[in-house]
Amino acid sequence: MPKIVIDIETVGENFDSMDEITKEALTRWIKREAVDEGDYKVALEDLKNSMGFSPLTGQICAIGVLDCEQNKGVVCFQAPGEKMEEFEEGDFKFKPMSEKEMLQNFWDGARSYDTFITFNGRGFDIPFIVARSAVHEIRISRDLMSNRYLGSQRGVAHIDLFDQLTFYGSIRRKGSLHLWCRAMGIESPKQDGIDGDDVARLFEEKKFVDIAKYNTRDLVATKKLYEKWRDYMVY
């Protein structure tokens, strides 16, 4: 079965530029739960830094895919305001485009695969992709959210390694992608000093290619982790 690894990078809106109604909707719970002004300021700063975690206040700045059989990948990424051509490096092609274009490109390509591999894709990547696709009025071509349990899946399969490695949450300390890679002897995508928390800063600094290349490290690590799970943890 053709298998593909998926990973996205996201960036949030500027909270201070939002309208007052939206600000009130986002901060209502902070005002209710903060014990004092200092507590409120800390919670507000956390909120501002987490705008990219929701498709309601963020957007996708990179979508990467890696074909498991061919070991070839593509990263589509935003580079607003820059005149940039697509290029190749190693096993990856890099294609600058808008969020709408990358989502259309993703769903067009998804028709060629029947197995999709993610790490926490059910909890983040796929719902984000689906919601942002609706924002741009792009219809999905694969159902990647139904039937969480692999034994119940029909048609296409979505192997979320976060579910599989923790036996659907049975393990108390579930672990991040970095921790699972470290334990399995796989080079962590964080070892070059960049992680997901840096994406917003890099985007603001217009280091769009750095974000795209970081995405490839997530893809490669997820593929190697999948192979460990497939070869040694599945009966």
Protein backbone atom coordinates (compact mmCIF):
# COMPACT_ATOMS: atom_id res chain seq x y z
CA MET A 1 0.00 0.00 0.00
CA PRO A 2 1.37 3.47 -0.85
CA LYS A 3 2.31 5.16 2.43
CA ILE A 4 3.00 8.80 3.13
CA VAL A 5 4.17 10.70 6.22
CA ILE A 6 2.52 14.07 6.95
CA ASP A 7 3.64 16.99 9.11
CA ILE A 8 2.67 20.65 9.28
CA GLU A 9 4.06 23.86 10.76
CA THR A 10 1.71 26.63 11.84
CA VAL A 11 1.89 30.30 12.75
CA GLY A 12 -0.61 32.43 14.65
CA GLU A 13 -2.20 35.81 14.11
CA ASN A 14 -0.94 38.87 15.96
CA PHE A 15 -3.19 39.10 19.02
CA ASP A 16 -2.70 42.85 19.38
CA SER A 17 -4.02 43.41 15.83
CA MET A 18 -7.29 41.55 16.46
CA ASP A 19 -10.64 43.28 16.89
CA GLU A 20 -11.90 43.85 20.43
CA ILE A 21 -14.72 41.27 20.20
CA THR A 22 -12.22 38.54 19.27
CA LYS A 23 -9.82 39.59 22.03
CA GLU A 24 -12.64 39.41 24.56
CA ALA A 25 -13.69 35.95 23.35
CA LEU A 26 -10.11 34.67 23.67
CA THR A 27 -9.34 36.21 27.06
CA ARG A 28 -12.65 35.63 28.85
CA TRP A 29 -11.46 32.48 30.59
CA ILE A 30 -8.16 34.13 31.59
CA LYS A 31 -9.98 37.01 33.28
CA ARG A 32 -12.23 34.54 35.08
CA GLU A 33 -9.44 32.27 36.36
CA ALA A 34 -6.57 34.69 37.03
CA VAL A 35 -5.99 35.24 40.76
CA ASP A 36 -4.35 38.66 40.32
CA GLU A 37 -3.01 41.08 37.70
CA GLY A 38 0.37 39.35 37.55
CA ASP A 39 -1.26 35.97 36.95
CA TYR A 40 -3.41 37.53 34.20
CA LYS A 41 -0.38 39.00 32.42
CA VAL A 42 1.44 35.65 32.43
CA ALA A 43 -1.63 33.85 31.07
CA LEU A 44 -2.17 36.54 28.43
CA GLU A 45 1.42 36.22 27.21
CA ASP A 46 0.99 32.44 26.96
CA LEU A 47 -2.19 33.00 24.95
CA LYS A 48 -0.45 35.38 22.55
CA ASN A 49 2.28 32.81 21.97
CA SER A 50 -0.20 30.02 21.28
CA MET A 51 -2.28 31.58 18.49
CA GLY A 52 -0.77 29.12 16.02
CA PHE A 53 -2.14 26.08 17.83
CA SER A 54 -5.70 26.69 16.61
CA PRO A 55 -7.00 26.92 13.02
CA LEU A 56 -9.31 29.67 14.32
CA THR A 57 -6.40 31.99 15.10
CA GLY A 58 -3.58 30.53 13.02
CA GLN A 59 -2.66 29.26 9.59
CA ILE A 60 -0.42 26.65 8.03
CA CYS A 61 2.96 27.97 6.96
CA ALA A 62 4.34 24.60 5.77
CA ILE A 63 2.94 21.19 4.81
CA GLY A 64 5.45 18.41 4.30
CA VAL A 65 4.92 14.89 2.95
CA LEU A 66 7.35 12.01 2.60
CA ASP A 67 6.69 8.95 0.42
CA CYS A 68 7.79 5.92 2.43
CA GLU A 69 8.54 3.64 -0.53
CA GLN A 70 10.40 6.15 -2.69
CA ASN A 71 11.90 8.03 0.27
CA LYS A 72 11.16 11.27 -1.58
CA GLY A 73 9.34 14.22 -0.12
CA VAL A 74 7.84 17.61 -0.85
CA VAL A 75 7.49 20.60 1.45
CA CYS A 76 5.10 23.35 0.39
CA PHE A 77 5.68 26.50 2.39
CA GLN A 78 4.59 30.11 2.60
CA ALA A 79 7.07 32.86 1.75
CA PRO A 80 4.95 36.04 1.71
CA GLY A 81 6.57 39.05 0.13
CA GLU A 82 9.47 37.03 -1.26
CA LYS A 83 10.18 36.16 -4.89
CA MET A 84 11.31 32.58 -4.55
CA GLU A 85 11.45 29.66 -6.95
CA GLU A 86 10.99 26.02 -6.03
CA PHE A 87 14.19 24.09 -5.47
CA GLU A 88 15.50 20.64 -4.54
CA GLU A 89 17.84 19.59 -1.77
CA GLY A 90 18.62 15.98 -0.96
CA ASP A 91 15.47 13.87 -1.08
CA PHE A 92 13.11 16.85 -0.88
CA LYS A 93 11.53 19.37 -3.21
CA PHE A 94 10.66 22.76 -1.73
CA LYS A 95 7.76 24.71 -3.21
CA PRO A 96 6.78 28.22 -2.08
CA MET A 97 3.03 28.93 -2.36
CA SER A 98 0.05 30.35 -0.49
CA GLU A 99 -1.79 28.43 2.22
CA LYS A 100 -4.73 27.86 -0.14
CA GLU A 101 -2.44 26.49 -2.85
CA MET A 102 -0.61 24.16 -0.47
CA LEU A 103 -3.87 22.75 0.87
CA GLN A 104 -5.20 22.10 -2.63
CA ASN A 105 -1.88 20.52 -3.53
CA PHE A 106 -2.04 18.32 -0.43
CA TRP A 107 -5.52 16.95 -1.08
CA ASP A 108 -4.77 16.40 -4.78
CA GLY A 109 -1.71 14.35 -3.85
CA ALA A 110 -3.53 12.48 -1.08
CA ARG A 111 -5.66 10.68 -3.69
CA SER A 112 -2.60 8.59 -4.64
CA TYR A 113 -2.14 7.10 -1.16
CA ASP A 114 -4.09 4.79 1.09
CA THR A 115 -1.94 4.88 4.25
CA PHE A 116 -1.13 8.11 6.09
CA ILE A 117 1.39 8.29 8.93
CA THR A 118 1.62 11.07 11.53
CA PHE A 119 2.77 11.74 15.06
CA ASN A 120 -0.21 13.20 16.95
CA GLY A 121 -1.89 13.84 13.61
CA ARG A 122 -5.33 13.15 15.04
CA GLY A 123 -4.78 15.64 17.83
CA PHE A 124 -3.32 18.41 15.71
CA ASP A 125 -2.18 18.14 12.07
CA ILE A 126 -5.24 16.64 10.40
CA PRO A 127 -7.96 18.66 12.20
CA PHE A 128 -5.93 21.79 11.46
CA ILE A 129 -5.60 20.86 7.77
CA VAL A 130 -9.31 20.04 7.47
CA ALA A 131 -10.43 23.26 9.17
CA ARG A 132 -8.11 25.48 7.13
CA SER A 133 -9.27 23.70 3.97
CA ALA A 134 -12.85 24.67 4.81
CA VAL A 135 -11.74 28.27 5.35
CA HIS A 136 -10.47 28.27 1.75
CA GLU A 137 -13.49 26.27 0.48
CA ILE A 138 -11.34 23.29 -0.49
CA ARG A 139 -13.01 19.89 -0.23
CA ILE A 140 -11.05 17.08 1.41
CA SER A 141 -10.24 14.02 -0.71
CA ARG A 142 -9.61 11.52 2.12
CA ASP A 143 -11.28 10.88 5.48
CA LEU A 144 -8.33 10.83 7.88
CA MET A 145 -10.21 11.31 11.17
CA SER A 146 -12.75 8.49 11.42
CA ASN A 147 -12.11 5.13 13.08
CA ARG A 148 -9.28 5.93 15.47
CA TYR A 149 -8.51 2.25 16.08
CA LEU A 150 -6.53 0.65 13.27
CA GLY A 151 -8.49 -2.60 13.40
CA SER A 152 -11.69 -0.69 12.65
CA GLN A 153 -10.41 1.44 9.80
CA ARG A 154 -11.78 0.89 6.33
CA GLY A 155 -10.66 2.37 3.03
CA VAL A 156 -7.67 4.55 3.87
CA ALA A 157 -5.60 4.04 7.02
CA HIS A 158 -4.30 6.77 9.30
CA ILE A 159 -1.51 5.48 11.54
CA ASP A 160 -1.05 8.05 14.29
CA LEU A 161 2.14 6.96 16.04
CA PHE A 162 1.22 8.93 19.14
CA ASP A 163 -1.76 6.58 19.53
CA GLN A 164 0.12 3.43 18.56
CA LEU A 165 3.24 3.94 20.67
CA THR A 166 1.16 4.75 23.76
CA PHE A 167 -1.42 2.02 23.07
CA TYR A 168 -4.15 4.62 22.65
CA GLY A 169 -3.16 6.52 25.76
CA SER A 170 -2.66 3.56 28.09
CA ILE A 171 0.88 4.68 28.95
CA ARG A 172 0.89 7.32 31.67
CA ARG A 173 3.87 9.32 30.36
CA LYS A 174 3.14 9.49 26.67
CA GLY A 175 6.23 11.34 25.43
CA SER A 176 6.92 13.79 22.62
CA LEU A 177 8.38 13.01 19.21
CA HIS A 178 11.78 14.06 20.55
CA LEU A 179 11.59 11.69 23.53
CA TRP A 180 10.44 8.74 21.42
CA CYS A 181 13.23 9.36 18.90
CA ARG A 182 15.78 9.64 21.69
CA ALA A 183 14.66 6.35 23.22
CA MET A 184 14.69 4.56 19.86
CA GLY A 185 18.12 5.83 18.79
CA ILE A 186 16.72 8.07 16.05
CA GLU A 187 18.15 11.52 15.42
CA SER A 188 15.71 14.01 16.87
CA PRO A 189 14.40 16.80 14.61
CA LYS A 190 15.17 19.15 17.52
CA GLN A 191 18.90 18.44 17.55
CA ASP A 192 19.70 21.37 15.23
CA GLY A 193 18.37 23.77 17.84
CA ILE A 194 14.95 24.45 16.29
CA ASP A 195 11.61 23.23 17.54
CA GLY A 196 7.97 24.05 16.94
CA ASP A 197 8.06 26.97 19.37
CA ASP A 198 10.58 28.74 17.10
CA VAL A 199 8.40 28.69 13.99
CA ALA A 200 6.53 31.93 14.76
CA ARG A 201 9.78 33.80 15.33
CA LEU A 202 11.36 32.38 12.17
CA PHE A 203 8.27 33.32 10.16
CA GLU A 204 8.38 36.87 11.48
CA GLU A 205 12.08 37.03 10.57
CA LYS A 206 11.21 35.79 7.06
CA LYS A 207 13.33 32.66 7.49
CA PHE A 208 10.82 30.65 5.51
CA VAL A 209 13.32 28.13 4.14
CA ASP A 210 14.54 27.38 7.67
CA ILE A 211 10.97 26.46 8.61
CA ALA A 212 10.63 24.24 5.54
CA LYS A 213 13.90 22.44 6.28
CA TYR A 214 12.90 21.93 9.91
CA ASN A 215 9.71 20.32 8.61
CA THR A 216 11.77 17.78 6.66
CA ARG A 217 13.53 16.70 9.85
CA ASP A 218 10.15 16.03 11.46
CA LEU A 219 9.14 13.96 8.44
CA VAL A 220 12.32 11.87 8.40
CA ALA A 221 12.16 11.25 12.16
CA THR A 222 8.50 10.23 11.96
CA LYS A 223 9.23 7.81 9.11
CA LYS A 224 12.06 6.16 11.07
CA LEU A 225 9.89 5.95 14.17
CA TYR A 226 7.13 4.33 12.10
CA GLU A 227 9.61 1.71 10.88
CA LYS A 228 10.61 0.92 14.48
CA TRP A 229 6.95 0.52 15.44
CA ARG A 230 6.17 -1.57 12.34
CA ASP A 231 9.14 -3.91 12.72
CA TYR A 232 9.21 -4.44 16.49
CA MET A 233 5.94 -3.40 18.14
CA VAL A 234 3.27 -4.89 15.86
CA TYR A 235 2.45 -8.58 16.26
